[in-house]
Protein backbone atom coordinates (compact mmCIF):
# COMPACT_ATOMS: atom_id res chain seq x y z
CA MET A 1 -2.29 10.48 13.73
CA LEU A 2 -0.44 7.96 13.74
CA THR A 3 -2.40 4.38 15.06
CA THR A 4 -0.75 1.77 16.16
CA VAL A 5 -1.55 -2.01 15.18
CA THR A 6 -0.46 -5.24 16.16
CA PRO A 7 1.27 -7.01 13.55
CA PRO A 8 0.04 -10.00 11.96
CA GLU A 9 1.28 -13.06 13.53
CA PHE A 10 2.26 -14.37 10.45
CA LEU A 11 4.62 -11.57 9.99
CA THR A 12 6.30 -11.99 12.97
CA ALA A 13 6.87 -15.80 12.57
CA PHE A 14 8.21 -15.00 9.39
CA LEU A 15 10.73 -12.67 10.85
CA ARG A 16 11.73 -15.52 13.68
CA ALA A 17 12.29 -18.14 10.92
CA ARG A 18 14.81 -16.05 8.87
CA CYS A 19 16.70 -14.99 12.08
CA PRO A 20 16.14 -17.45 14.57
CA ASP A 21 19.43 -16.96 16.60
CA ALA A 22 18.93 -12.97 16.17
CA ASP A 23 17.52 -10.96 19.17
CA PRO A 24 14.07 -9.82 18.98
CA VAL A 25 13.35 -7.62 16.21
CA GLY A 26 11.72 -4.33 17.44
CA VAL A 27 8.59 -2.76 15.37
CA ASP A 28 10.65 0.26 14.49
CA ASP A 29 13.90 -1.88 13.48
CA ASP A 30 15.01 -1.59 9.96
CA LEU A 31 14.38 -4.90 8.81
CA VAL A 32 17.16 -4.60 6.17
CA GLU A 33 19.62 -2.76 7.88
CA SER A 34 19.95 -5.17 10.57
CA GLY A 35 20.50 -8.13 7.89
CA VAL A 36 17.01 -9.69 9.15
CA LEU A 37 15.76 -9.48 5.59
CA ASN A 38 17.95 -9.50 2.54
CA SER A 39 16.14 -8.58 -1.55
CA MET A 40 15.06 -12.49 -1.76
CA HIS A 41 13.44 -12.33 1.43
CA LEU A 42 11.61 -8.88 0.97
CA VAL A 43 10.34 -10.77 -2.41
CA GLU A 44 9.16 -13.42 -0.42
CA LEU A 45 7.32 -11.45 2.14
CA LEU A 46 5.46 -9.35 -0.44
CA TYR A 47 4.21 -12.24 -1.45
CA LEU A 48 2.88 -13.47 1.96
CA ILE A 49 1.40 -10.06 2.33
CA GLU A 50 -0.43 -10.92 -1.16
CA ALA A 51 -1.61 -14.60 0.38
CA GLU A 52 -2.68 -12.95 3.96
CA LEU A 53 -4.68 -9.80 1.94
CA GLY A 54 -6.22 -12.35 -1.14
CA THR A 55 -5.15 -10.05 -3.55
CA GLU A 56 -2.07 -9.28 -5.66
CA ILE A 57 -0.24 -6.54 -5.34
CA SER A 58 1.39 -4.68 -7.72
CA LEU A 59 5.00 -3.89 -7.49
CA ASP A 60 4.60 -0.35 -8.56
CA ASP A 61 2.30 0.33 -6.10
CA VAL A 62 4.73 -0.71 -3.02
CA SER A 63 8.10 0.42 -2.36
CA THR A 64 11.26 -1.14 0.06
CA ASP A 65 10.85 1.35 2.55
CA ASP A 66 7.20 -0.38 2.82
CA LEU A 67 8.61 -2.89 3.94
CA ARG A 68 11.31 -1.92 5.85
CA THR A 69 10.25 -1.81 9.62
CA VAL A 70 7.69 -4.35 11.27
CA SER A 71 5.09 -0.93 12.03
CA ARG A 72 5.81 0.36 8.50
CA ILE A 73 4.51 -3.27 6.94
CA THR A 74 1.65 -2.99 9.57
CA ARG A 75 0.06 0.48 9.18
CA ARG A 76 0.67 -0.26 5.23
CA PHE A 77 -0.64 -3.39 4.82
CA PHE A 78 -2.94 -4.56 8.02
CA ALA A 79 -4.33 -1.28 9.53
CA PRO A 80 -8.13 -0.79 9.05
CA GLY A 81 -8.68 1.72 5.82
CA ARG A 82 -4.94 0.48 4.32
CA GLY A 83 -4.85 -1.75 1.23
CA PRO A 84 -2.74 -2.26 -1.74
CA GLY A 85 -2.34 1.10 -3.61
CA GLU A 86 -2.80 3.26 -0.31
CA THR A 87 0.55 4.97 1.19
CA ALA A 88 0.47 5.05 5.19
CA LYS A 89 1.18 8.65 6.14
CA GLU A 90 4.00 9.47 8.21
């Protein structure tokens, strides 16, 4: 069972800053395919997530799929009981 979690404000602000002229991003929109995020943005986003969590995230513990949609990012890193090194079940 998936729990709906509200995306952190820093995440929505980050996405708006990267694509200010784009339509609002839905929580299940593919951020890579839509062009909202490129490889540099993914790295920057990972650093922001680390700062919000106050911990380093090993690249061995994260994949591009973890960062592909707002809902995946939120469930993977910010849902209760989630954190680095844990994998959300889809």
